Amino acid sequence: MARRAAAKRSPGDTATDPSGIPDKPYFKIGEAARLCGVKPYVLRYWETEFKSVRPQKTRSQQRVYRRRDVELLLKVRHLLYDKRFTIEGARARLRELGHDEGPAPAPPQPDVSVETLRKIKQGLADLIRICAD
């Protein structure tokens, strides 16, 4: 089983400890992902799940991570991959460590009126009745 996990990673996808982070002010998403040993889409997903993970964006909307952002990402990676925490467990642990973690942001509510919902409900009830006949 360990062989499978190792086979999925490419040789350049090794995690780095905080002391191995290059001494520069900003990292692009690809560099941050390489330092954390994950793909860039994983970092974008973590942004949606962890309130503390909020990289700055350039005028062209490209993500740039500061050194402390990369250190936080390494903590998240450690909790999720090495310690096998769930997302919620990792969020709670980060809260214990003093990071501003709350529940994941709620998805936006659709802008649908109550009357429209009643019509949809009635239509579905009619369909169920027709299928039952």
N, C-alpha and C. Protein backbone atom coordinates (compact mmCIF):
# COMPACT_ATOMS: atom_id res chain seq x y z
N MET A 1 0.82 -1.19 0.00
CA MET A 1 0.00 0.00 0.00
C MET A 1 0.87 1.25 0.00
N ALA A 2 1.96 1.25 0.76
CA ALA A 2 2.85 2.41 0.79
C ALA A 2 3.50 2.61 -0.57
N ARG A 3 3.71 1.50 -1.29
CA ARG A 3 4.30 1.62 -2.61
C ARG A 3 3.39 2.39 -3.56
N ARG A 4 2.09 2.17 -3.45
CA ARG A 4 1.13 2.87 -4.31
C ARG A 4 1.19 4.37 -4.09
N ALA A 5 1.21 4.78 -2.82
CA ALA A 5 1.25 6.21 -2.52
C ALA A 5 2.55 6.82 -3.04
N ALA A 6 3.64 6.10 -2.89
CA ALA A 6 4.91 6.61 -3.37
C ALA A 6 4.94 6.66 -4.89
N ALA A 7 4.26 5.73 -5.54
CA ALA A 7 4.26 5.69 -7.00
C ALA A 7 3.48 6.86 -7.59
N LYS A 8 2.49 7.38 -6.86
CA LYS A 8 1.68 8.48 -7.37
C LYS A 8 2.44 9.80 -7.37
N ARG A 9 3.43 9.93 -6.51
CA ARG A 9 4.18 11.18 -6.42
C ARG A 9 5.31 11.17 -7.45
N SER A 10 5.55 12.31 -8.01
CA SER A 10 6.69 12.41 -8.91
C SER A 10 7.92 12.78 -8.10
N PRO A 11 9.11 12.56 -8.60
CA PRO A 11 10.32 12.82 -7.81
C PRO A 11 10.41 14.24 -7.28
N GLY A 12 9.88 15.24 -7.99
CA GLY A 12 9.95 16.62 -7.53
C GLY A 12 8.91 16.97 -6.50
N ASP A 13 7.98 16.07 -6.19
CA ASP A 13 6.88 16.36 -5.27
C ASP A 13 7.22 15.93 -3.85
N THR A 14 8.30 16.43 -3.29
CA THR A 14 8.65 16.10 -1.92
C THR A 14 8.35 17.29 -1.04
N ALA A 15 7.86 17.00 0.14
CA ALA A 15 7.53 18.09 1.07
C ALA A 15 8.82 18.66 1.65
N THR A 16 8.75 19.91 2.05
CA THR A 16 9.91 20.59 2.61
C THR A 16 9.55 21.08 4.00
N ASP A 17 10.50 20.96 4.93
CA ASP A 17 10.23 21.51 6.26
C ASP A 17 10.41 23.02 6.22
N PRO A 18 9.85 23.75 7.20
CA PRO A 18 9.89 25.21 7.15
C PRO A 18 11.29 25.79 7.01
N SER A 19 12.30 25.13 7.54
CA SER A 19 13.66 25.67 7.43
C SER A 19 14.19 25.53 6.00
N GLY A 20 13.56 24.72 5.16
CA GLY A 20 14.02 24.54 3.79
C GLY A 20 13.33 25.45 2.80
N ILE A 21 12.55 26.40 3.28
CA ILE A 21 11.86 27.33 2.38
C ILE A 21 12.87 28.36 1.89
N PRO A 22 12.97 28.56 0.59
CA PRO A 22 13.92 29.56 0.08
C PRO A 22 13.65 30.94 0.66
N ASP A 23 14.71 31.71 0.77
CA ASP A 23 14.61 33.05 1.37
C ASP A 23 14.20 34.06 0.30
N LYS A 24 12.91 34.16 0.06
CA LYS A 24 12.36 35.16 -0.86
C LYS A 24 11.01 35.59 -0.36
N PRO A 25 10.56 36.79 -0.70
CA PRO A 25 9.32 37.32 -0.10
C PRO A 25 8.04 36.66 -0.60
N TYR A 26 7.99 36.29 -1.87
CA TYR A 26 6.75 35.75 -2.43
C TYR A 26 7.01 34.51 -3.26
N PHE A 27 6.00 33.64 -3.31
CA PHE A 27 6.07 32.42 -4.09
C PHE A 27 4.81 32.32 -4.95
N LYS A 28 4.97 31.95 -6.20
CA LYS A 28 3.81 31.70 -7.05
C LYS A 28 3.20 30.37 -6.62
N ILE A 29 1.99 30.09 -7.08
CA ILE A 29 1.28 28.90 -6.64
C ILE A 29 2.05 27.62 -6.98
N GLY A 30 2.69 27.59 -8.13
CA GLY A 30 3.46 26.41 -8.51
C GLY A 30 4.63 26.16 -7.58
N GLU A 31 5.31 27.25 -7.18
CA GLU A 31 6.44 27.12 -6.25
C GLU A 31 5.95 26.67 -4.88
N ALA A 32 4.86 27.26 -4.41
CA ALA A 32 4.31 26.88 -3.10
C ALA A 32 3.85 25.43 -3.12
N ALA A 33 3.23 25.02 -4.21
CA ALA A 33 2.78 23.63 -4.33
C ALA A 33 3.97 22.68 -4.31
N ARG A 34 5.02 23.03 -5.02
CA ARG A 34 6.22 22.18 -5.06
C ARG A 34 6.85 22.07 -3.67
N LEU A 35 6.92 23.19 -2.95
CA LEU A 35 7.48 23.16 -1.60
C LEU A 35 6.65 22.28 -0.66
N CYS A 36 5.34 22.27 -0.86
CA CYS A 36 4.44 21.48 0.00
C CYS A 36 4.28 20.05 -0.47
N GLY A 37 4.74 19.76 -1.67
CA GLY A 37 4.63 18.39 -2.18
C GLY A 37 3.22 18.04 -2.62
N VAL A 38 2.46 19.03 -3.09
CA VAL A 38 1.10 18.80 -3.58
C VAL A 38 0.93 19.50 -4.92
N LYS A 39 -0.17 19.28 -5.58
CA LYS A 39 -0.48 19.95 -6.84
C LYS A 39 -1.13 21.30 -6.55
N PRO A 40 -1.04 22.26 -7.48
CA PRO A 40 -1.64 23.57 -7.26
C PRO A 40 -3.14 23.54 -6.96
N TYR A 41 -3.87 22.58 -7.57
CA TYR A 41 -5.31 22.54 -7.31
C TYR A 41 -5.60 22.20 -5.86
N VAL A 42 -4.68 21.50 -5.20
CA VAL A 42 -4.87 21.16 -3.78
C VAL A 42 -4.78 22.44 -2.95
N LEU A 43 -3.84 23.32 -3.30
CA LEU A 43 -3.73 24.59 -2.56
C LEU A 43 -4.98 25.43 -2.77
N ARG A 44 -5.52 25.43 -3.98
CA ARG A 44 -6.75 26.21 -4.23
C ARG A 44 -7.91 25.62 -3.43
N TYR A 45 -7.95 24.29 -3.31
CA TYR A 45 -9.00 23.65 -2.50
C TYR A 45 -8.83 24.03 -1.03
N TRP A 46 -7.60 23.99 -0.54
CA TRP A 46 -7.37 24.34 0.86
C TRP A 46 -7.80 25.77 1.14
N GLU A 47 -7.70 26.65 0.16
CA GLU A 47 -8.18 28.03 0.34
C GLU A 47 -9.67 28.06 0.66
N THR A 48 -10.41 27.13 0.06
CA THR A 48 -11.86 27.11 0.31
C THR A 48 -12.19 26.50 1.67
N GLU A 49 -11.32 25.66 2.18
CA GLU A 49 -11.59 24.94 3.43
C GLU A 49 -10.98 25.58 4.67
N PHE A 50 -9.88 26.28 4.51
CA PHE A 50 -9.18 26.87 5.66
C PHE A 50 -9.18 28.39 5.52
N LYS A 51 -9.80 29.05 6.48
CA LYS A 51 -9.94 30.50 6.44
C LYS A 51 -8.58 31.20 6.51
N SER A 52 -7.61 30.59 7.18
CA SER A 52 -6.28 31.20 7.33
C SER A 52 -5.49 31.20 6.04
N VAL A 53 -5.83 30.30 5.13
CA VAL A 53 -5.08 30.19 3.87
C VAL A 53 -5.70 31.16 2.88
N ARG A 54 -5.15 32.35 2.83
CA ARG A 54 -5.66 33.39 1.92
C ARG A 54 -4.47 34.10 1.28
N PRO A 55 -3.96 33.58 0.16
CA PRO A 55 -2.83 34.25 -0.47
C PRO A 55 -3.25 35.60 -1.06
N GLN A 56 -2.28 36.46 -1.22
CA GLN A 56 -2.56 37.72 -1.89
C GLN A 56 -2.68 37.44 -3.37
N LYS A 57 -3.28 38.37 -4.10
CA LYS A 57 -3.38 38.22 -5.55
C LYS A 57 -2.81 39.46 -6.21
N THR A 58 -2.16 39.23 -7.34
CA THR A 58 -1.62 40.34 -8.10
C THR A 58 -2.74 41.01 -8.88
N ARG A 59 -2.42 42.07 -9.59
CA ARG A 59 -3.45 42.74 -10.40
C ARG A 59 -4.04 41.80 -11.45
N SER A 60 -3.23 40.84 -11.89
CA SER A 60 -3.71 39.88 -12.88
C SER A 60 -4.37 38.66 -12.22
N GLN A 61 -4.65 38.77 -10.92
CA GLN A 61 -5.34 37.74 -10.14
C GLN A 61 -4.51 36.46 -9.96
N GLN A 62 -3.19 36.57 -10.09
CA GLN A 62 -2.32 35.42 -9.84
C GLN A 62 -2.04 35.34 -8.35
N ARG A 63 -2.14 34.15 -7.78
CA ARG A 63 -1.91 33.98 -6.35
C ARG A 63 -0.42 34.11 -6.04
N VAL A 64 -0.12 34.83 -4.97
CA VAL A 64 1.25 34.90 -4.46
C VAL A 64 1.21 34.63 -2.96
N TYR A 65 2.04 33.68 -2.55
CA TYR A 65 2.08 33.24 -1.16
C TYR A 65 3.31 33.84 -0.49
N ARG A 66 3.12 34.37 0.73
CA ARG A 66 4.24 34.85 1.52
C ARG A 66 4.86 33.66 2.24
N ARG A 67 6.01 33.87 2.83
CA ARG A 67 6.70 32.79 3.54
C ARG A 67 5.81 32.20 4.63
N ARG A 68 5.13 33.07 5.40
CA ARG A 68 4.27 32.56 6.48
C ARG A 68 3.09 31.77 5.91
N ASP A 69 2.62 32.12 4.69
CA ASP A 69 1.56 31.34 4.05
C ASP A 69 2.07 29.93 3.73
N VAL A 70 3.30 29.85 3.22
CA VAL A 70 3.88 28.54 2.89
C VAL A 70 4.08 27.72 4.16
N GLU A 71 4.52 28.37 5.23
CA GLU A 71 4.68 27.66 6.50
C GLU A 71 3.34 27.11 6.99
N LEU A 72 2.29 27.90 6.85
CA LEU A 72 0.95 27.44 7.23
C LEU A 72 0.50 26.28 6.34
N LEU A 73 0.77 26.37 5.05
CA LEU A 73 0.42 25.28 4.13
C LEU A 73 1.15 24.00 4.51
N LEU A 74 2.40 24.13 4.94
CA LEU A 74 3.14 22.95 5.37
C LEU A 74 2.52 22.34 6.63
N LYS A 75 2.01 23.19 7.53
CA LYS A 75 1.30 22.68 8.72
C LYS A 75 0.04 21.94 8.31
N VAL A 76 -0.72 22.54 7.39
CA VAL A 76 -1.95 21.91 6.91
C VAL A 76 -1.62 20.56 6.28
N ARG A 77 -0.60 20.54 5.44
CA ARG A 77 -0.21 19.30 4.78
C ARG A 77 0.18 18.24 5.82
N HIS A 78 0.95 18.65 6.82
CA HIS A 78 1.37 17.72 7.87
C HIS A 78 0.16 17.14 8.61
N LEU A 79 -0.78 18.00 8.95
CA LEU A 79 -1.97 17.52 9.67
C LEU A 79 -2.80 16.57 8.81
N LEU A 80 -2.98 16.91 7.54
CA LEU A 80 -3.85 16.11 6.68
C LEU A 80 -3.17 14.83 6.19
N TYR A 81 -1.92 14.92 5.78
CA TYR A 81 -1.26 13.78 5.14
C TYR A 81 -0.49 12.92 6.12
N ASP A 82 0.23 13.53 7.06
CA ASP A 82 1.06 12.76 7.98
C ASP A 82 0.27 12.32 9.21
N LYS A 83 -0.46 13.25 9.82
CA LYS A 83 -1.23 12.94 11.03
C LYS A 83 -2.60 12.35 10.71
N ARG A 84 -3.00 12.40 9.44
CA ARG A 84 -4.27 11.80 8.96
C ARG A 84 -5.50 12.46 9.58
N PHE A 85 -5.44 13.76 9.84
CA PHE A 85 -6.59 14.49 10.35
C PHE A 85 -7.61 14.65 9.22
N THR A 86 -8.87 14.80 9.60
CA THR A 86 -9.89 15.20 8.63
C THR A 86 -9.75 16.71 8.44
N ILE A 87 -10.45 17.24 7.45
CA ILE A 87 -10.43 18.69 7.23
C ILE A 87 -10.91 19.40 8.50
N GLU A 88 -12.02 18.92 9.06
CA GLU A 88 -12.56 19.55 10.27
C GLU A 88 -11.59 19.42 11.43
N GLY A 89 -10.95 18.27 11.57
CA GLY A 89 -9.97 18.07 12.64
C GLY A 89 -8.77 18.97 12.48
N ALA A 90 -8.30 19.12 11.25
CA ALA A 90 -7.16 20.01 10.98
C ALA A 90 -7.54 21.45 11.27
N ARG A 91 -8.77 21.83 10.93
CA ARG A 91 -9.26 23.19 11.21
C ARG A 91 -9.24 23.44 12.72
N ALA A 92 -9.73 22.43 13.49
CA ALA A 92 -9.76 22.58 14.95
C ALA A 92 -8.34 22.66 15.52
N ARG A 93 -7.44 21.86 14.99
CA ARG A 93 -6.05 21.88 15.47
C ARG A 93 -5.39 23.22 15.17
N LEU A 94 -5.63 23.77 13.98
CA LEU A 94 -5.08 25.08 13.65
C LEU A 94 -5.64 26.16 14.57
N ARG A 95 -6.91 26.01 14.93
CA ARG A 95 -7.53 26.96 15.87
C ARG A 95 -6.80 26.88 17.22
N GLU A 96 -6.48 25.65 17.67
CA GLU A 96 -5.74 25.47 18.92
C GLU A 96 -4.36 26.11 18.84
N LEU A 97 -3.76 26.08 17.66
CA LEU A 97 -2.43 26.65 17.47
C LEU A 97 -2.46 28.16 17.29
N GLY A 98 -3.65 28.76 17.33
CA GLY A 98 -3.76 30.20 17.28
C GLY A 98 -4.06 30.78 15.91
N HIS A 99 -4.39 29.94 14.96
CA HIS A 99 -4.76 30.45 13.64
C HIS A 99 -6.25 30.75 13.62
N ASP A 100 -6.63 31.75 12.85
CA ASP A 100 -8.03 32.19 12.80
C ASP A 100 -8.84 31.23 11.94
N GLU A 101 -9.25 30.13 12.53
CA GLU A 101 -10.03 29.13 11.81
C GLU A 101 -11.44 29.06 12.36
N GLY A 102 -12.38 29.16 11.50
CA GLY A 102 -13.78 28.98 11.87
C GLY A 102 -14.35 27.91 10.97
N PRO A 103 -15.62 27.73 11.01
CA PRO A 103 -16.22 26.76 10.08
C PRO A 103 -16.02 27.23 8.65
N ALA A 104 -16.04 26.28 7.74
CA ALA A 104 -15.88 26.61 6.32
C ALA A 104 -16.98 27.58 5.92
N PRO A 105 -16.66 28.52 5.06
CA PRO A 105 -17.69 29.46 4.64
C PRO A 105 -18.87 28.74 3.99
N ALA A 106 -20.06 29.17 4.34
CA ALA A 106 -21.25 28.54 3.78
C ALA A 106 -21.38 28.88 2.30
N PRO A 107 -21.82 27.92 1.51
CA PRO A 107 -22.00 28.23 0.09
C PRO A 107 -23.08 29.28 -0.09
N PRO A 108 -22.97 30.10 -1.10
CA PRO A 108 -23.99 31.15 -1.28
C PRO A 108 -25.36 30.54 -1.53
N GLN A 109 -26.35 31.16 -0.93
CA GLN A 109 -27.72 30.68 -1.08
C GLN A 109 -28.28 31.15 -2.42
N PRO A 110 -29.00 30.25 -3.10
CA PRO A 110 -29.57 30.67 -4.37
C PRO A 110 -30.61 31.77 -4.16
N ASP A 111 -30.71 32.66 -5.12
CA ASP A 111 -31.65 33.77 -5.02
C ASP A 111 -32.96 33.36 -5.69
N VAL A 112 -33.74 32.52 -4.97
CA VAL A 112 -35.00 32.00 -5.50
C VAL A 112 -36.11 32.39 -4.53
N SER A 113 -37.20 32.85 -5.06
CA SER A 113 -38.30 33.26 -4.18
C SER A 113 -39.04 32.04 -3.64
N VAL A 114 -39.75 32.25 -2.55
CA VAL A 114 -40.53 31.19 -1.92
C VAL A 114 -41.61 30.71 -2.89
N GLU A 115 -42.19 31.62 -3.63
CA GLU A 115 -43.25 31.24 -4.59
C GLU A 115 -42.70 30.32 -5.67
N THR A 116 -41.52 30.59 -6.16
CA THR A 116 -40.89 29.73 -7.17
C THR A 116 -40.63 28.35 -6.60
N LEU A 117 -40.17 28.30 -5.36
CA LEU A 117 -39.94 27.00 -4.73
C LEU A 117 -41.24 26.22 -4.57
N ARG A 118 -42.33 26.90 -4.23
CA ARG A 118 -43.63 26.22 -4.11
C ARG A 118 -44.06 25.64 -5.45
N LYS A 119 -43.86 26.39 -6.53
CA LYS A 119 -44.22 25.91 -7.86
C LYS A 119 -43.39 24.68 -8.24
N ILE A 120 -42.11 24.72 -7.92
CA ILE A 120 -41.24 23.57 -8.21
C ILE A 120 -41.70 22.36 -7.41
N LYS A 121 -42.00 22.57 -6.13
CA LYS A 121 -42.46 21.47 -5.28
C LYS A 121 -43.75 20.88 -5.82
N GLN A 122 -44.68 21.73 -6.25
CA GLN A 122 -45.95 21.25 -6.79
C GLN A 122 -45.72 20.46 -8.09
N GLY A 123 -44.82 20.97 -8.94
CA GLY A 123 -44.49 20.28 -10.18
C GLY A 123 -43.90 18.91 -9.94
N LEU A 124 -43.03 18.80 -8.94
CA LEU A 124 -42.44 17.51 -8.60
C LEU A 124 -43.49 16.54 -8.05
N ALA A 125 -44.38 17.07 -7.22
CA ALA A 125 -45.47 16.23 -6.69
C ALA A 125 -46.33 15.71 -7.83
N ASP A 126 -46.62 16.58 -8.83
CA ASP A 126 -47.41 16.15 -9.99
C ASP A 126 -46.68 15.06 -10.76
N LEU A 127 -45.38 15.20 -10.95
CA LEU A 127 -44.59 14.20 -11.67
C LEU A 127 -44.62 12.87 -10.93
N ILE A 128 -44.49 12.91 -9.63
CA ILE A 128 -44.52 11.67 -8.84
C ILE A 128 -45.86 10.99 -8.99
N ARG A 129 -46.93 11.79 -8.96
CA ARG A 129 -48.29 11.23 -9.13
C ARG A 129 -48.45 10.59 -10.50
N ILE A 130 -47.92 11.26 -11.55
CA ILE A 130 -48.03 10.72 -12.92
C ILE A 130 -47.24 9.43 -13.04
N CYS A 131 -46.05 9.38 -12.46
CA CYS A 131 -45.23 8.16 -12.53
C CYS A 131 -45.85 7.02 -11.75
N ALA A 132 -46.56 7.33 -10.68
CA ALA A 132 -47.18 6.29 -9.86
C ALA A 132 -48.38 5.67 -10.55
N ASP A 133 -49.01 6.39 -11.47
CA ASP A 133 -50.19 5.87 -12.16
C ASP A 133 -49.87 4.82 -13.18
